Protein backbone atom coordinates (compact mmCIF):
# COMPACT_ATOMS: atom_id res chain seq x y z
CA MET A 1 122.39 104.52 110.90
CA THR A 2 122.60 108.10 109.65
CA ALA A 3 121.74 110.74 112.23
CA PRO A 4 118.41 112.53 111.64
CA LEU A 5 118.67 115.90 109.93
CA THR A 6 118.25 119.00 112.05
CA GLY A 7 116.26 122.13 111.33
CA GLY A 8 119.43 123.82 110.11
CA ASN A 9 119.91 121.36 107.25
CA ALA A 10 119.59 122.96 103.80
CA ARG A 11 117.03 120.41 102.54
CA VAL A 12 114.84 120.93 105.58
CA LYS A 13 115.10 124.71 105.18
CA GLU A 14 114.08 124.51 101.52
CA ALA A 15 111.10 122.30 102.31
CA ARG A 16 110.05 124.61 105.13
CA LYS A 17 109.75 127.48 102.64
CA LEU A 18 106.71 125.70 101.19
CA HIS A 19 104.66 127.10 104.06
CA ARG A 20 104.57 130.28 101.92
CA ARG A 21 101.97 130.35 99.16
CA SER A 22 104.25 132.27 96.81
CA VAL A 23 106.93 129.58 97.08
CA ARG A 24 104.37 126.81 96.55
CA SER A 25 103.10 128.53 93.41
CA GLU A 26 106.60 129.04 92.06
CA ARG A 27 107.73 125.46 92.66
CA ARG A 28 104.37 123.78 91.95
CA CYS A 29 104.65 121.64 95.05
CA PHE A 30 103.34 121.63 98.63
CA LEU A 31 103.64 119.91 102.00
CA ALA A 32 101.28 117.03 102.81
CA ASP A 33 101.22 116.66 106.57
CA GLY A 34 100.32 113.41 108.31
CA PRO A 35 99.81 109.76 107.35
CA LYS A 36 96.32 110.18 105.82
CA ALA A 37 97.49 112.86 103.42
CA ILE A 38 100.60 110.88 102.50
CA GLU A 39 98.56 107.73 101.98
CA GLY A 40 96.41 109.64 99.48
CA ALA A 41 99.45 111.15 97.77
CA LEU A 42 101.19 107.80 97.40
CA ALA A 43 98.17 106.39 95.55
CA THR A 44 99.31 108.36 92.49
CA PRO A 45 102.75 107.22 91.27
CA GLY A 46 105.22 110.08 91.02
CA ARG A 47 103.15 112.50 93.11
CA VAL A 48 105.52 112.44 96.12
CA ARG A 49 108.92 114.08 95.71
CA GLU A 50 110.30 113.49 99.20
CA VAL A 51 109.17 112.21 102.59
CA PHE A 52 110.48 113.52 105.92
CA ALA A 53 109.82 111.56 109.09
CA THR A 54 111.05 111.35 112.64
CA PRO A 55 112.61 107.99 113.54
CA ALA A 56 109.62 107.14 115.76
CA ALA A 57 107.08 108.00 113.03
CA ALA A 58 109.05 106.10 110.39
CA GLN A 59 108.83 103.02 112.57
CA GLN A 60 105.17 103.56 113.44
CA HIS A 61 104.17 104.01 109.78
CA ALA A 62 106.59 101.50 108.32
CA ALA A 63 103.84 99.73 106.34
CA LEU A 64 102.80 103.00 104.69
CA LEU A 65 106.34 104.15 103.94
CA GLY A 66 107.79 100.77 103.09
CA GLY A 67 108.40 101.42 99.40
CA VAL A 68 109.33 105.08 99.72
CA PRO A 69 112.74 106.63 100.42
CA VAL A 70 112.43 108.45 103.75
CA THR A 71 114.62 111.25 105.06
CA LEU A 72 114.86 111.10 108.84
CA VAL A 73 114.66 114.39 110.75
CA ASP A 74 114.70 115.20 114.42
CA ASP A 75 111.67 116.43 116.36
CA ARG A 76 112.58 120.11 116.11
CA ALA A 77 113.02 119.88 112.35
CA MET A 78 109.65 118.16 112.08
CA ALA A 79 108.02 120.89 114.17
CA GLY A 80 109.21 123.37 111.54
CA LEU A 81 107.94 121.29 108.63
CA SER A 82 104.54 120.48 110.10
CA ASP A 83 101.72 123.00 110.42
CA SER A 84 100.04 120.93 113.12
CA VAL A 85 100.12 121.76 116.83
CA ASN A 86 100.84 118.09 117.50
CA PRO A 87 102.80 116.84 114.49
CA ALA A 88 102.23 113.25 113.42
CA GLY A 89 105.93 113.07 112.57
CA VAL A 90 105.67 112.54 108.82
CA VAL A 91 105.48 115.16 106.04
CA ALA A 92 105.82 114.76 102.27
CA VAL A 93 106.73 117.20 99.53
CA CYS A 94 104.15 116.58 96.78
CA ASP A 95 103.48 117.90 93.29
CA PHE A 96 100.41 120.06 92.75
CA LEU A 97 97.30 118.01 92.07
CA ASP A 98 94.69 120.43 90.65
CA VAL A 99 93.19 119.60 87.26
CA PRO A 100 91.76 121.73 84.43
CA LEU A 101 88.18 122.88 85.02
CA ALA A 102 86.70 120.36 82.59
CA GLY A 103 88.34 117.53 84.53
CA ALA A 104 86.35 118.36 87.68
CA LEU A 105 83.03 118.65 85.81
CA ASP A 106 83.08 115.22 84.19
CA GLY A 107 80.44 113.40 86.22
CA ARG A 108 76.92 113.47 87.67
CA LEU A 109 77.64 115.36 90.89
CA VAL A 110 80.01 118.28 91.43
CA ALA A 111 80.58 120.91 94.14
CA LEU A 112 81.33 124.49 93.03
CA CYS A 113 82.65 126.66 95.88
CA ALA A 114 82.67 130.41 95.22
CA ASP A 115 84.95 132.59 97.36
CA VAL A 116 85.30 130.05 100.17
CA ARG A 117 87.95 131.54 102.45
CA ASP A 118 88.30 129.15 105.38
CA PRO A 119 90.73 126.26 104.78
CA GLY A 120 88.86 124.01 107.21
CA ASN A 121 85.62 124.56 105.29
CA ALA A 122 87.25 124.02 101.91
CA GLY A 123 88.93 120.81 103.04
CA THR A 124 85.72 119.55 104.65
CA VAL A 125 83.71 120.20 101.46
CA ILE A 126 86.29 118.23 99.49
CA ARG A 127 86.09 115.40 102.02
CA THR A 128 82.29 115.43 101.96
CA ALA A 129 82.14 115.51 98.16
CA ASP A 130 84.45 112.50 98.09
CA ALA A 131 82.29 110.64 100.61
CA ALA A 132 79.09 111.45 98.70
CA GLY A 133 80.54 110.08 95.47
CA ALA A 134 80.93 113.41 93.70
CA ALA A 135 83.00 113.56 90.54
CA GLY A 136 84.91 116.70 91.47
CA VAL A 137 85.19 120.00 93.31
CA VAL A 138 85.87 123.48 91.96
CA LEU A 139 87.36 126.21 94.16
CA ALA A 140 86.42 129.39 92.35
CA GLY A 141 86.96 133.09 92.80
CA ASP A 142 88.95 134.56 95.67
CA ALA A 143 89.17 131.18 97.39
CA VAL A 144 91.48 129.80 100.01
CA ASP A 145 94.61 128.12 98.68
CA LEU A 146 93.96 124.44 98.02
CA TYR A 147 97.54 123.77 99.14
CA ASN A 148 97.26 125.53 102.47
CA PRO A 149 98.29 122.81 104.96
CA LYS A 150 95.01 123.28 106.85
CA THR A 151 92.98 122.69 103.67
CA ILE A 152 94.88 119.50 102.85
CA ARG A 153 94.65 118.28 106.43
CA ALA A 154 90.89 119.01 106.66
CA SER A 155 90.31 116.97 103.51
CA VAL A 156 91.79 113.92 105.34
CA GLY A 157 93.29 112.59 102.12
CA SER A 158 90.26 113.31 99.92
CA ALA A 159 92.07 116.08 98.04
CA PHE A 160 94.05 113.25 96.46
CA HIS A 161 90.99 111.09 95.73
CA LEU A 162 88.90 113.21 93.37
CA PRO A 163 89.61 115.95 90.83
CA VAL A 164 89.87 119.47 92.24
CA ALA A 165 89.98 122.44 89.85
CA LEU A 166 90.86 126.07 90.52
CA GLU A 167 89.03 128.80 88.60
CA ARG A 168 89.47 132.52 89.17
CA ASP A 169 86.07 133.44 87.72
CA PRO A 170 83.07 131.87 89.54
CA ALA A 171 80.73 132.84 86.71
CA ALA A 172 82.95 131.02 84.22
CA ALA A 173 82.80 127.93 86.43
CA VAL A 174 78.99 128.05 86.47
CA ARG A 175 78.81 128.48 82.71
CA ALA A 176 81.24 125.61 82.18
CA ALA A 177 79.14 123.37 84.43
CA ARG A 178 76.01 124.10 82.41
CA GLU A 179 77.88 123.51 79.15
CA ALA A 180 78.97 120.15 80.58
CA GLY A 181 75.30 119.18 80.90
CA LEU A 182 74.97 119.77 84.64
CA THR A 183 71.99 121.45 86.28
CA VAL A 184 73.41 124.17 88.54
CA LEU A 185 71.68 124.40 91.91
CA ALA A 186 72.57 127.37 94.11
CA ALA A 187 72.38 126.64 97.84
CA ASP A 188 70.50 129.74 99.00
CA GLY A 189 68.54 130.27 102.21
CA GLY A 190 65.99 132.29 100.24
CA GLY A 191 65.73 129.83 97.38
CA GLU A 192 62.42 129.08 95.68
CA VAL A 193 62.95 125.30 95.74
CA ASP A 194 62.66 123.32 98.99
CA LEU A 195 65.43 120.72 99.22
CA PHE A 196 63.07 118.21 100.86
CA SER A 197 60.62 118.42 97.95
CA ALA A 198 63.06 118.33 95.08
CA ASP A 199 63.90 114.67 94.48
CA GLU A 200 63.05 114.79 90.78
CA LEU A 201 65.33 117.79 90.33
CA LEU A 202 68.08 116.32 92.51
CA ALA A 203 68.18 113.12 90.46
CA ARG A 204 69.57 115.06 87.48
CA PRO A 205 73.31 115.49 86.89
CA THR A 206 74.02 118.38 89.23
CA ALA A 207 76.59 121.00 90.12
CA TRP A 208 75.89 122.44 93.58
CA LEU A 209 76.96 126.07 93.93
CA PHE A 210 78.02 127.18 97.42
CA GLY A 211 78.97 130.70 98.47
CA ASN A 212 81.21 132.42 100.96
CA GLU A 213 80.95 131.54 104.66
CA ALA A 214 79.96 135.07 105.71
CA TRP A 215 77.89 136.55 102.88
CA GLY A 216 76.81 133.54 100.83
CA LEU A 217 76.29 133.90 97.09
CA PRO A 218 76.16 137.29 95.37
CA ASP A 219 72.81 137.79 93.62
CA GLU A 220 74.45 138.08 90.21
CA LEU A 221 76.18 134.72 90.64
CA ALA A 222 73.13 132.94 92.08
CA ALA A 223 71.12 134.27 89.13
CA LEU A 224 73.31 132.19 86.78
CA ALA A 225 72.12 128.97 88.44
CA ASP A 226 69.20 126.99 87.07
CA HIS A 227 67.49 126.97 90.47
CA ARG A 228 68.02 128.34 93.98
CA VAL A 229 67.48 125.66 96.60
CA SER A 230 66.87 126.26 100.30
CA ILE A 231 67.49 123.83 103.15
CA PRO A 232 64.51 123.81 105.53
CA ILE A 233 65.32 125.04 109.03
CA ALA A 234 62.95 123.41 111.52
CA GLY A 235 64.38 124.94 114.68
CA ARG A 236 65.45 128.43 115.65
CA ALA A 237 68.92 128.35 114.10
CA GLU A 238 69.46 131.20 111.68
CA SER A 239 71.28 129.03 109.14
CA LEU A 240 73.75 126.20 108.64
CA ASN A 241 77.46 126.74 108.19
CA LEU A 242 78.98 126.14 104.79
CA ALA A 243 80.42 122.68 105.39
CA THR A 244 77.20 121.39 106.96
CA ALA A 245 75.04 122.84 104.19
CA ALA A 246 77.30 121.26 101.57
CA ALA A 247 77.00 117.89 103.30
CA VAL A 248 73.20 118.08 103.41
CA CYS A 249 72.92 119.11 99.75
CA LEU A 250 75.48 116.66 98.34
CA TYR A 251 73.99 113.72 100.21
CA ALA A 252 70.46 114.71 99.19
CA SER A 253 71.61 114.55 95.57
CA ALA A 254 73.46 111.28 96.10
CA ARG A 255 70.34 109.70 97.63
CA ALA A 256 68.06 110.94 94.84
CA MET A 257 70.47 109.73 92.16
CA MET A 258 70.72 106.27 93.72
CA ALA A 259 66.93 106.07 94.07
CA GLY A 260 66.46 107.12 90.48
């Protein structure tokens, strides 16, 4: 049996460089960390370029990795490849997965995220959209990198399950959604439409527009939406965080669409 590669190995060093966004962009590939992410990546033939695993993880996840060539690395090498505090012991180098904007707007329910900066939030919105049966997600504007290891990990494999598009101009994403036949609903605490009284509206093909975690949606962007929708707050909380608000809105639409 070949000895596991160490952190000084050239292949390990090259893979480790993918922690830098500039290198990811240049090479059009990224690191998928953990068995859930790799399971999602392996669902698309040709997506995975290389898998690194510790001997213990290779044995533990033998069923998952059975048909894939695996490069064994020692624990220290894995610690350098993984972004996790407690590495699962398996990391894959994968090709980029984002699609053109139109590819994420082809369906009845879509999430448009404008200037979302936190990778945990972005990944959680992708995961929630997947769970709610959405057709796609758009990360627009000055958004967090889809391929940040924290974003991929927070999506728990969902980044591989549904189309995700990247668009520099949030306004262009909103216009494209409307041109695709979607009603754009801006999640806005001051919105004129009450989410709990909007079933008829929610049953339409919809693109939900969510803003930045700290300052929400700029007025000029929210004005491009067909309606501004507020989530009722029954208690004394000032507001809901982005990921929670997205979950409430996406599931409200999913329920209304199923009922209709």
